[in-house]
């Protein structure tokens, strides 16, 4: 947060109760929105970077441009951390 980094989850398949249980079980602290049925959040990125699988992680730069896309589960926290640090360094 001190670097201006914000995380947001977008649930494209789960029901509200399932998403809430997942967040509780895994200690998810970032906000999430429900976007089932091909909602606005998924469609917002469709022209730039299609969301082809769940989970997909999209990293945006400070200008809102797609800086990276990871399809599938992220094996280690260090992978996402490295991508975020690289994007922040490019924006400095």
PDB file of N, CA and C in Angstrom:
ATOM      1  N   UNK A   1       0.818  -1.201   0.000  1.00  0.00           N
ATOM      2  CA  UNK A   1       0.000   0.000   0.000  1.00  0.00           C
ATOM      3  C   UNK A   1       0.859   1.262   0.000  1.00  0.00           C
ATOM      4  N   UNK A   2       1.990   1.228   0.690  1.00  0.00           N
ATOM      5  CA  UNK A   2       2.858   2.406   0.743  1.00  0.00           C
ATOM      6  C   UNK A   2       3.405   2.773  -0.631  1.00  0.00           C
ATOM      7  N   UNK A   3       3.503   1.788  -1.525  1.00  0.00           N
ATOM      8  CA  UNK A   3       4.002   2.028  -2.878  1.00  0.00           C
ATOM      9  C   UNK A   3       2.888   2.311  -3.874  1.00  0.00           C
ATOM     10  N   UNK A   4       1.642   2.363  -3.399  1.00  0.00           N
ATOM     11  CA  UNK A   4       0.517   2.610  -4.279  1.00  0.00           C
ATOM     12  C   UNK A   4       0.005   1.350  -4.959  1.00  0.00           C
ATOM     13  N   UNK A   5       0.333   0.189  -4.413  1.00  0.00           N
ATOM     14  CA  UNK A   5      -0.112  -1.081  -4.981  1.00  0.00           C
ATOM     15  C   UNK A   5      -1.428  -1.478  -4.322  1.00  0.00           C
ATOM     16  N   UNK A   6      -2.382  -1.889  -5.159  1.00  0.00           N
ATOM     17  CA  UNK A   6      -3.684  -2.314  -4.683  1.00  0.00           C
ATOM     18  C   UNK A   6      -4.006  -3.659  -5.324  1.00  0.00           C
ATOM     19  N   UNK A   7      -4.552  -4.573  -4.538  1.00  0.00           N
ATOM     20  CA  UNK A   7      -4.990  -5.868  -5.052  1.00  0.00           C
ATOM     21  C   UNK A   7      -6.500  -5.920  -4.992  1.00  0.00           C
ATOM     22  N   UNK A   8      -7.089  -6.577  -6.003  1.00  0.00           N
ATOM     23  CA  UNK A   8      -8.528  -6.769  -6.023  1.00  0.00           C
ATOM     24  C   UNK A   8      -8.812  -8.126  -6.651  1.00  0.00           C
ATOM     25  N   UNK A   9      -9.672  -8.879  -6.025  1.00  0.00           N
ATOM     26  CA  UNK A   9     -10.097 -10.156  -6.586  1.00  0.00           C
ATOM     27  C   UNK A   9     -11.363  -9.979  -7.393  1.00  0.00           C
ATOM     28  N   UNK A  10     -11.478 -10.762  -8.455  1.00  0.00           N
ATOM     29  CA  UNK A  10     -12.693 -10.760  -9.258  1.00  0.00           C
ATOM     30  C   UNK A  10     -13.160 -12.205  -9.353  1.00  0.00           C
ATOM     31  N   UNK A  11     -14.285 -12.491  -8.760  1.00  0.00           N
ATOM     32  CA  UNK A  11     -14.849 -13.837  -8.768  1.00  0.00           C
ATOM     33  C   UNK A  11     -15.754 -13.989  -9.977  1.00  0.00           C
ATOM     34  N   UNK A  12     -15.320 -14.823 -10.929  1.00  0.00           N
ATOM     35  CA  UNK A  12     -16.086 -14.990 -12.163  1.00  0.00           C
ATOM     36  C   UNK A  12     -16.926 -16.258 -12.177  1.00  0.00           C
ATOM     37  N   UNK A  13     -16.713 -17.151 -11.208  1.00  0.00           N
ATOM     38  CA  UNK A  13     -17.450 -18.409 -11.224  1.00  0.00           C
ATOM     39  C   UNK A  13     -18.143 -18.746  -9.906  1.00  0.00           C
ATOM     40  N   UNK A  14     -17.598 -18.308  -8.814  1.00  0.00           N
ATOM     41  CA  UNK A  14     -18.103 -18.710  -7.505  1.00  0.00           C
ATOM     42  C   UNK A  14     -19.412 -18.023  -7.147  1.00  0.00           C
ATOM     43  N   UNK A  15     -20.135 -18.666  -6.266  1.00  0.00           N
ATOM     44  CA  UNK A  15     -21.281 -18.040  -5.610  1.00  0.00           C
ATOM     45  C   UNK A  15     -20.727 -17.208  -4.451  1.00  0.00           C
ATOM     46  N   UNK A  16     -21.486 -16.268  -3.969  1.00  0.00           N
ATOM     47  CA  UNK A  16     -21.036 -15.378  -2.894  1.00  0.00           C
ATOM     48  C   UNK A  16     -20.536 -16.175  -1.690  1.00  0.00           C
ATOM     49  N   UNK A  17     -21.299 -17.163  -1.256  1.00  0.00           N
ATOM     50  CA  UNK A  17     -20.926 -17.938  -0.067  1.00  0.00           C
ATOM     51  C   UNK A  17     -19.603 -18.681  -0.279  1.00  0.00           C
ATOM     52  N   UNK A  18     -19.396 -19.236  -1.455  1.00  0.00           N
ATOM     53  CA  UNK A  18     -18.159 -19.960  -1.774  1.00  0.00           C
ATOM     54  C   UNK A  18     -16.970 -19.004  -1.763  1.00  0.00           C
ATOM     55  N   UNK A  19     -17.141 -17.841  -2.361  1.00  0.00           N
ATOM     56  CA  UNK A  19     -16.065 -16.845  -2.397  1.00  0.00           C
ATOM     57  C   UNK A  19     -15.720 -16.363  -0.991  1.00  0.00           C
ATOM     58  N   UNK A  20     -16.721 -16.139  -0.170  1.00  0.00           N
ATOM     59  CA  UNK A  20     -16.476 -15.699   1.204  1.00  0.00           C
ATOM     60  C   UNK A  20     -15.770 -16.784   2.007  1.00  0.00           C
ATOM     61  N   UNK A  21     -16.155 -18.033   1.828  1.00  0.00           N
ATOM     62  CA  UNK A  21     -15.503 -19.136   2.535  1.00  0.00           C
ATOM     63  C   UNK A  21     -14.048 -19.265   2.104  1.00  0.00           C
ATOM     64  N   UNK A  22     -13.781 -19.117   0.815  1.00  0.00           N
ATOM     65  CA  UNK A  22     -12.408 -19.168   0.308  1.00  0.00           C
ATOM     66  C   UNK A  22     -11.566 -18.068   0.948  1.00  0.00           C
ATOM     67  N   UNK A  23     -12.094 -16.848   0.959  1.00  0.00           N
ATOM     68  CA  UNK A  23     -11.371 -15.714   1.538  1.00  0.00           C
ATOM     69  C   UNK A  23     -11.057 -15.962   3.007  1.00  0.00           C
ATOM     70  N   UNK A  24     -12.013 -16.493   3.734  1.00  0.00           N
ATOM     71  CA  UNK A  24     -11.801 -16.770   5.156  1.00  0.00           C
ATOM     72  C   UNK A  24     -10.781 -17.886   5.348  1.00  0.00           C
ATOM     73  N   UNK A  25     -10.929 -18.981   4.610  1.00  0.00           N
ATOM     74  CA  UNK A  25     -10.032 -20.138   4.753  1.00  0.00           C
ATOM     75  C   UNK A  25      -8.583 -19.813   4.403  1.00  0.00           C
ATOM     76  N   UNK A  26      -8.379 -18.932   3.408  1.00  0.00           N
ATOM     77  CA  UNK A  26      -7.026 -18.630   2.941  1.00  0.00           C
ATOM     78  C   UNK A  26      -6.514 -17.273   3.410  1.00  0.00           C
ATOM     79  N   UNK A  27      -7.248 -16.610   4.278  1.00  0.00           N
ATOM     80  CA  UNK A  27      -6.776 -15.345   4.835  1.00  0.00           C
ATOM     81  C   UNK A  27      -6.666 -14.229   3.813  1.00  0.00           C
ATOM     82  N   UNK A  28      -7.554 -14.213   2.839  1.00  0.00           N
ATOM     83  CA  UNK A  28      -7.540 -13.174   1.805  1.00  0.00           C
ATOM     84  C   UNK A  28      -7.962 -11.854   2.442  1.00  0.00           C
ATOM     85  N   UNK A  29      -7.109 -10.856   2.299  1.00  0.00           N
ATOM     86  CA  UNK A  29      -7.385  -9.560   2.928  1.00  0.00           C
ATOM     87  C   UNK A  29      -7.731  -8.465   1.932  1.00  0.00           C
ATOM     88  N   UNK A  30      -7.565  -8.733   0.645  1.00  0.00           N
ATOM     89  CA  UNK A  30      -7.886  -7.714  -0.352  1.00  0.00           C
ATOM     90  C   UNK A  30      -9.370  -7.808  -0.719  1.00  0.00           C
ATOM     91  N   UNK A  31      -9.941  -6.721  -1.223  1.00  0.00           N
ATOM     92  CA  UNK A  31     -11.359  -6.753  -1.587  1.00  0.00           C
ATOM     93  C   UNK A  31     -11.585  -7.607  -2.832  1.00  0.00           C
ATOM     94  N   UNK A  32     -12.768  -8.168  -2.932  1.00  0.00           N
ATOM     95  CA  UNK A  32     -13.157  -8.943  -4.101  1.00  0.00           C
ATOM     96  C   UNK A  32     -14.537  -8.492  -4.561  1.00  0.00           C
ATOM     97  N   UNK A  33     -14.765  -8.610  -5.857  1.00  0.00           N
ATOM     98  CA  UNK A  33     -16.077  -8.313  -6.419  1.00  0.00           C
ATOM     99  C   UNK A  33     -16.612  -9.569  -7.091  1.00  0.00           C
ATOM    100  N   UNK A  34     -17.906  -9.688  -7.115  1.00  0.00           N
ATOM    101  CA  UNK A  34     -18.558 -10.798  -7.810  1.00  0.00           C
ATOM    102  C   UNK A  34     -18.805 -10.370  -9.252  1.00  0.00           C
ATOM    103  N   UNK A  35     -18.360 -11.187 -10.199  1.00  0.00           N
ATOM    104  CA  UNK A  35     -18.491 -10.848 -11.614  1.00  0.00           C
ATOM    105  C   UNK A  35     -18.897 -12.086 -12.412  1.00  0.00           C
ATOM    106  N   UNK A  36     -19.766 -12.889 -11.822  1.00  0.00           N
ATOM    107  CA  UNK A  36     -20.224 -14.103 -12.495  1.00  0.00           C
ATOM    108  C   UNK A  36     -21.076 -13.739 -13.712  1.00  0.00           C
ATOM    109  N   UNK A  37     -21.282 -14.697 -14.550  1.00  0.00           N
ATOM    110  CA  UNK A  37     -22.109 -14.527 -15.753  1.00  0.00           C
ATOM    111  C   UNK A  37     -21.477 -13.569 -16.746  1.00  0.00           C
ATOM    112  N   UNK A  38     -20.127 -13.539 -16.832  1.00  0.00           N
ATOM    113  CA  UNK A  38     -19.459 -12.694 -17.825  1.00  0.00           C
ATOM    114  C   UNK A  38     -19.683 -11.227 -17.610  1.00  0.00           C
ATOM    115  N   UNK A  39     -19.525 -10.785 -16.395  1.00  0.00           N
ATOM    116  CA  UNK A  39     -19.819  -9.412 -16.016  1.00  0.00           C
ATOM    117  C   UNK A  39     -18.848  -8.370 -16.527  1.00  0.00           C
ATOM    118  N   UNK A  40     -19.027  -7.172 -16.032  1.00  0.00           N
ATOM    119  CA  UNK A  40     -18.293  -6.011 -16.506  1.00  0.00           C
ATOM    120  C   UNK A  40     -16.784  -6.077 -16.271  1.00  0.00           C
ATOM    121  N   UNK A  41     -16.348  -6.605 -15.147  1.00  0.00           N
ATOM    122  CA  UNK A  41     -14.915  -6.631 -14.857  1.00  0.00           C
ATOM    123  C   UNK A  41     -14.165  -7.499 -15.860  1.00  0.00           C
ATOM    124  N   UNK A  42     -14.686  -8.676 -16.133  1.00  0.00           N
ATOM    125  CA  UNK A  42     -14.047  -9.564 -17.106  1.00  0.00           C
ATOM    126  C   UNK A  42     -14.094  -8.954 -18.502  1.00  0.00           C
ATOM    127  N   UNK A  43     -15.222  -8.397 -18.878  1.00  0.00           N
ATOM    128  CA  UNK A  43     -15.362  -7.791 -20.199  1.00  0.00           C
ATOM    129  C   UNK A  43     -14.468  -6.570 -20.384  1.00  0.00           C
ATOM    130  N   UNK A  44     -14.168  -5.874 -19.287  1.00  0.00           N
ATOM    131  CA  UNK A  44     -13.329  -4.679 -19.378  1.00  0.00           C
ATOM    132  C   UNK A  44     -11.940  -4.996 -19.917  1.00  0.00           C
ATOM    133  N   UNK A  45     -11.462  -6.215 -19.669  1.00  0.00           N
ATOM    134  CA  UNK A  45     -10.127  -6.596 -20.120  1.00  0.00           C
ATOM    135  C   UNK A  45     -10.145  -7.434 -21.391  1.00  0.00           C
ATOM    136  N   UNK A  46     -11.308  -7.826 -21.868  1.00  0.00           N
ATOM    137  CA  UNK A  46     -11.419  -8.778 -22.979  1.00  0.00           C
ATOM    138  C   UNK A  46     -10.696  -8.320 -24.247  1.00  0.00           C
ATOM    139  N   UNK A  47     -10.757  -7.050 -24.558  1.00  0.00           N
ATOM    140  CA  UNK A  47     -10.124  -6.566 -25.783  1.00  0.00           C
ATOM    141  C   UNK A  47      -8.605  -6.472 -25.660  1.00  0.00           C
ATOM    142  N   UNK A  48      -8.112  -6.277 -24.448  1.00  0.00           N
ATOM    143  CA  UNK A  48      -6.684  -6.082 -24.241  1.00  0.00           C
ATOM    144  C   UNK A  48      -5.976  -7.379 -23.899  1.00  0.00           C
ATOM    145  N   UNK A  49      -6.563  -8.128 -22.990  1.00  0.00           N
ATOM    146  CA  UNK A  49      -5.950  -9.367 -22.528  1.00  0.00           C
ATOM    147  C   UNK A  49      -7.077 -10.320 -22.132  1.00  0.00           C
ATOM    148  N   UNK A  50      -7.444 -11.221 -23.027  1.00  0.00           N
ATOM    149  CA  UNK A  50      -8.559 -12.102 -22.712  1.00  0.00           C
ATOM    150  C   UNK A  50      -8.283 -12.980 -21.505  1.00  0.00           C
ATOM    151  N   UNK A  51      -9.258 -13.076 -20.638  1.00  0.00           N
ATOM    152  CA  UNK A  51      -9.157 -13.947 -19.482  1.00  0.00           C
ATOM    153  C   UNK A  51      -9.596 -15.329 -19.954  1.00  0.00           C
ATOM    154  N   UNK A  52      -8.608 -16.206 -20.191  1.00  0.00           N
ATOM    155  CA  UNK A  52      -8.881 -17.498 -20.800  1.00  0.00           C
ATOM    156  C   UNK A  52      -9.015 -18.623 -19.792  1.00  0.00           C
ATOM    157  N   UNK A  53      -8.584 -18.404 -18.587  1.00  0.00           N
ATOM    158  CA  UNK A  53      -8.616 -19.458 -17.580  1.00  0.00           C
ATOM    159  C   UNK A  53      -8.780 -18.832 -16.211  1.00  0.00           C
ATOM    160  N   UNK A  54      -9.244 -19.644 -15.287  1.00  0.00           N
ATOM    161  CA  UNK A  54      -9.363 -19.199 -13.909  1.00  0.00           C
ATOM    162  C   UNK A  54      -8.460 -20.081 -13.075  1.00  0.00           C
ATOM    163  N   UNK A  55      -7.570 -19.531 -12.299  1.00  0.00           N
ATOM    164  CA  UNK A  55      -7.384 -18.097 -12.068  1.00  0.00           C
ATOM    165  C   UNK A  55      -6.467 -17.467 -13.114  1.00  0.00           C
ATOM    166  N   UNK A  56      -6.691 -16.202 -13.348  1.00  0.00           N
ATOM    167  CA  UNK A  56      -5.793 -15.371 -14.145  1.00  0.00           C
ATOM    168  C   UNK A  56      -5.466 -14.154 -13.303  1.00  0.00           C
ATOM    169  N   UNK A  57      -4.190 -13.796 -13.268  1.00  0.00           N
ATOM    170  CA  UNK A  57      -3.744 -12.603 -12.547  1.00  0.00           C
ATOM    171  C   UNK A  57      -3.315 -11.572 -13.568  1.00  0.00           C
ATOM    172  N   UNK A  58      -3.854 -10.375 -13.445  1.00  0.00           N
ATOM    173  CA  UNK A  58      -3.498  -9.276 -14.338  1.00  0.00           C
ATOM    174  C   UNK A  58      -2.876  -8.174 -13.493  1.00  0.00           C
ATOM    175  N   UNK A  59      -1.705  -7.719 -13.910  1.00  0.00           N
ATOM    176  CA  UNK A  59      -1.009  -6.640 -13.215  1.00  0.00           C
ATOM    177  C   UNK A  59      -1.100  -5.407 -14.103  1.00  0.00           C
ATOM    178  N   UNK A  60      -1.633  -4.333 -13.537  1.00  0.00           N
ATOM    179  CA  UNK A  60      -1.748  -3.073 -14.256  1.00  0.00           C
ATOM    180  C   UNK A  60      -0.690  -2.112 -13.763  1.00  0.00           C
ATOM    181  N   UNK A  61      -0.205  -1.249 -14.655  1.00  0.00           N
ATOM    182  CA  UNK A  61       0.726  -0.211 -14.222  1.00  0.00           C
ATOM    183  C   UNK A  61      -0.065   0.975 -13.689  1.00  0.00           C
ATOM    184  N   UNK A  62       0.637   2.023 -13.309  1.00  0.00           N
ATOM    185  CA  UNK A  62      -0.035   3.190 -12.714  1.00  0.00           C
ATOM    186  C   UNK A  62      -0.967   3.903 -13.690  1.00  0.00           C
ATOM    187  N   UNK A  63      -0.768   3.652 -14.983  1.00  0.00           N
ATOM    188  CA  UNK A  63      -1.616   4.262 -16.006  1.00  0.00           C
ATOM    189  C   UNK A  63      -2.809   3.381 -16.362  1.00  0.00           C
ATOM    190  N   UNK A  64      -2.909   2.210 -15.713  1.00  0.00           N
ATOM    191  CA  UNK A  64      -4.014   1.301 -15.982  1.00  0.00           C
ATOM    192  C   UNK A  64      -3.777   0.380 -17.153  1.00  0.00           C
ATOM    193  N   UNK A  65      -2.548   0.348 -17.671  1.00  0.00           N
ATOM    194  CA  UNK A  65      -2.222  -0.541 -18.788  1.00  0.00           C
ATOM    195  C   UNK A  65      -1.819  -1.909 -18.255  1.00  0.00           C
ATOM    196  N   UNK A  66      -2.107  -2.957 -19.023  1.00  0.00           N
ATOM    197  CA  UNK A  66      -1.732  -4.310 -18.629  1.00  0.00           C
ATOM    198  C   UNK A  66      -0.216  -4.448 -18.753  1.00  0.00           C
ATOM    199  N   UNK A  67       0.430  -4.728 -17.611  1.00  0.00           N
ATOM    200  CA  UNK A  67       1.879  -4.902 -17.579  1.00  0.00           C
ATOM    201  C   UNK A  67       2.265  -6.376 -17.590  1.00  0.00           C
ATOM    202  N   UNK A  68       1.374  -7.242 -17.100  1.00  0.00           N
ATOM    203  CA  UNK A  68       1.659  -8.679 -17.062  1.00  0.00           C
ATOM    204  C   UNK A  68       0.363  -9.449 -16.896  1.00  0.00           C
ATOM    205  N   UNK A  69       0.380 -10.690 -17.386  1.00  0.00           N
ATOM    206  CA  UNK A  69      -0.753 -11.596 -17.190  1.00  0.00           C
ATOM    207  C   UNK A  69      -0.189 -12.968 -16.850  1.00  0.00           C
ATOM    208  N   UNK A  70      -0.728 -13.551 -15.811  1.00  0.00           N
ATOM    209  CA  UNK A  70      -0.323 -14.895 -15.390  1.00  0.00           C
ATOM    210  C   UNK A  70      -1.561 -15.770 -15.452  1.00  0.00           C
ATOM    211  N   UNK A  71      -1.492 -16.826 -16.252  1.00  0.00           N
ATOM    212  CA  UNK A  71      -2.613 -17.744 -16.366  1.00  0.00           C
ATOM    213  C   UNK A  71      -2.348 -18.931 -15.452  1.00  0.00           C
ATOM    214  N   UNK A  72      -3.321 -19.235 -14.606  1.00  0.00           N
ATOM    215  CA  UNK A  72      -3.195 -20.343 -13.665  1.00  0.00           C
ATOM    216  C   UNK A  72      -2.752 -19.855 -12.301  1.00  0.00           C
ATOM    217  N   UNK A  73      -2.654 -20.809 -11.400  1.00  0.00           N
ATOM    218  CA  UNK A  73      -2.248 -20.477 -10.027  1.00  0.00           C
ATOM    219  C   UNK A  73      -0.803 -20.000 -10.014  1.00  0.00           C
ATOM    220  N   UNK A  74      -0.514 -19.062  -9.135  1.00  0.00           N
ATOM    221  CA  UNK A  74       0.858 -18.573  -8.955  1.00  0.00           C
ATOM    222  C   UNK A  74       1.516 -19.466  -7.917  1.00  0.00           C
ATOM    223  N   UNK A  75       2.580 -20.138  -8.335  1.00  0.00           N
ATOM    224  CA  UNK A  75       3.215 -21.156  -7.491  1.00  0.00           C
ATOM    225  C   UNK A  75       3.835 -20.573  -6.225  1.00  0.00           C
ATOM    226  N   UNK A  76       4.416 -19.395  -6.347  1.00  0.00           N
ATOM    227  CA  UNK A  76       5.096 -18.795  -5.197  1.00  0.00           C
ATOM    228  C   UNK A  76       4.826 -17.297  -5.143  1.00  0.00           C
ATOM    229  N   UNK A  77       4.704 -16.790  -3.942  1.00  0.00           N
ATOM    230  CA  UNK A  77       4.470 -15.358  -3.739  1.00  0.00           C
ATOM    231  C   UNK A  77       5.564 -14.520  -4.396  1.00  0.00           C
ATOM    232  N   UNK A  78       6.783 -15.038  -4.425  1.00  0.00           N
ATOM    233  CA  UNK A  78       7.913 -14.289  -4.971  1.00  0.00           C
ATOM    234  C   UNK A  78       7.728 -13.961  -6.456  1.00  0.00           C
ATOM    235  N   UNK A  79       6.988 -14.786  -7.181  1.00  0.00           N
ATOM    236  CA  UNK A  79       6.762 -14.523  -8.603  1.00  0.00           C
ATOM    237  C   UNK A  79       5.966 -13.236  -8.778  1.00  0.00           C
ATOM    238  N   UNK A  80       4.849 -13.122  -8.091  1.00  0.00           N
ATOM    239  CA  UNK A  80       4.033 -11.915  -8.183  1.00  0.00           C
ATOM    240  C   UNK A  80       4.768 -10.718  -7.608  1.00  0.00           C
ATOM    241  N   UNK A  81       5.478 -10.931  -6.517  1.00  0.00           N
ATOM    242  CA  UNK A  81       6.235  -9.847  -5.900  1.00  0.00           C
ATOM    243  C   UNK A  81       7.273  -9.285  -6.876  1.00  0.00           C
ATOM    244  N   UNK A  82       7.961 -10.153  -7.593  1.00  0.00           N
ATOM    245  CA  UNK A  82       8.968  -9.713  -8.566  1.00  0.00           C
ATOM    246  C   UNK A  82       8.336  -8.913  -9.695  1.00  0.00           C
ATOM    247  N   UNK A  83       7.188  -9.373 -10.176  1.00  0.00           N
ATOM    248  CA  UNK A  83       6.505  -8.659 -11.257  1.00  0.00           C
ATOM    249  C   UNK A  83       6.082  -7.271 -10.784  1.00  0.00           C
ATOM    250  N   UNK A  84       5.491  -7.196  -9.602  1.00  0.00           N
ATOM    251  CA  UNK A  84       5.036  -5.909  -9.073  1.00  0.00           C
ATOM    252  C   UNK A  84       6.224  -4.967  -8.880  1.00  0.00           C
ATOM    253  N   UNK A  85       7.319  -5.469  -8.326  1.00  0.00           N
ATOM    254  CA  UNK A  85       8.507  -4.624  -8.127  1.00  0.00           C
ATOM    255  C   UNK A  85       9.048  -4.109  -9.446  1.00  0.00           C
ATOM    256  N   UNK A  86       9.041  -4.958 -10.477  1.00  0.00           N
ATOM    257  CA  UNK A  86       9.522  -4.539 -11.811  1.00  0.00           C
ATOM    258  C   UNK A  86       8.637  -3.447 -12.380  1.00  0.00           C
ATOM    259  N   UNK A  87       7.337  -3.600 -12.261  1.00  0.00           N
ATOM    260  CA  UNK A  87       6.409  -2.600 -12.777  1.00  0.00           C
ATOM    261  C   UNK A  87       6.573  -1.279 -12.018  1.00  0.00           C
ATOM    262  N   UNK A  88       6.720  -1.354 -10.701  1.00  0.00           N
ATOM    263  CA  UNK A  88       6.938  -0.141  -9.908  1.00  0.00           C
ATOM    264  C   UNK A  88       8.233   0.560 -10.298  1.00  0.00           C
ATOM    265  N   UNK A  89       9.286  -0.215 -10.534  1.00  0.00           N
ATOM    266  CA  UNK A  89      10.589   0.361 -10.909  1.00  0.00           C
ATOM    267  C   UNK A  89      10.495   1.054 -12.275  1.00  0.00           C
ATOM    268  N   UNK A  90       9.757   0.465 -13.205  1.00  0.00           N
ATOM    269  CA  UNK A  90       9.588   1.064 -14.529  1.00  0.00           C
ATOM    270  C   UNK A  90       8.825   2.370 -14.456  1.00  0.00           C
ATOM    271  N   UNK A  91       7.962   2.504 -13.476  1.00  0.00           N
ATOM    272  CA  UNK A  91       7.130   3.691 -13.340  1.00  0.00           C
ATOM    273  C   UNK A  91       7.825   4.808 -12.561  1.00  0.00           C
ATOM    274  N   UNK A  92       8.935   4.478 -11.928  1.00  0.00           N
ATOM    275  CA  UNK A  92       9.627   5.473 -11.083  1.00  0.00           C
ATOM    276  C   UNK A  92      10.321   6.536 -11.911  1.00  0.00           C
TER     277      UNK A  92
END
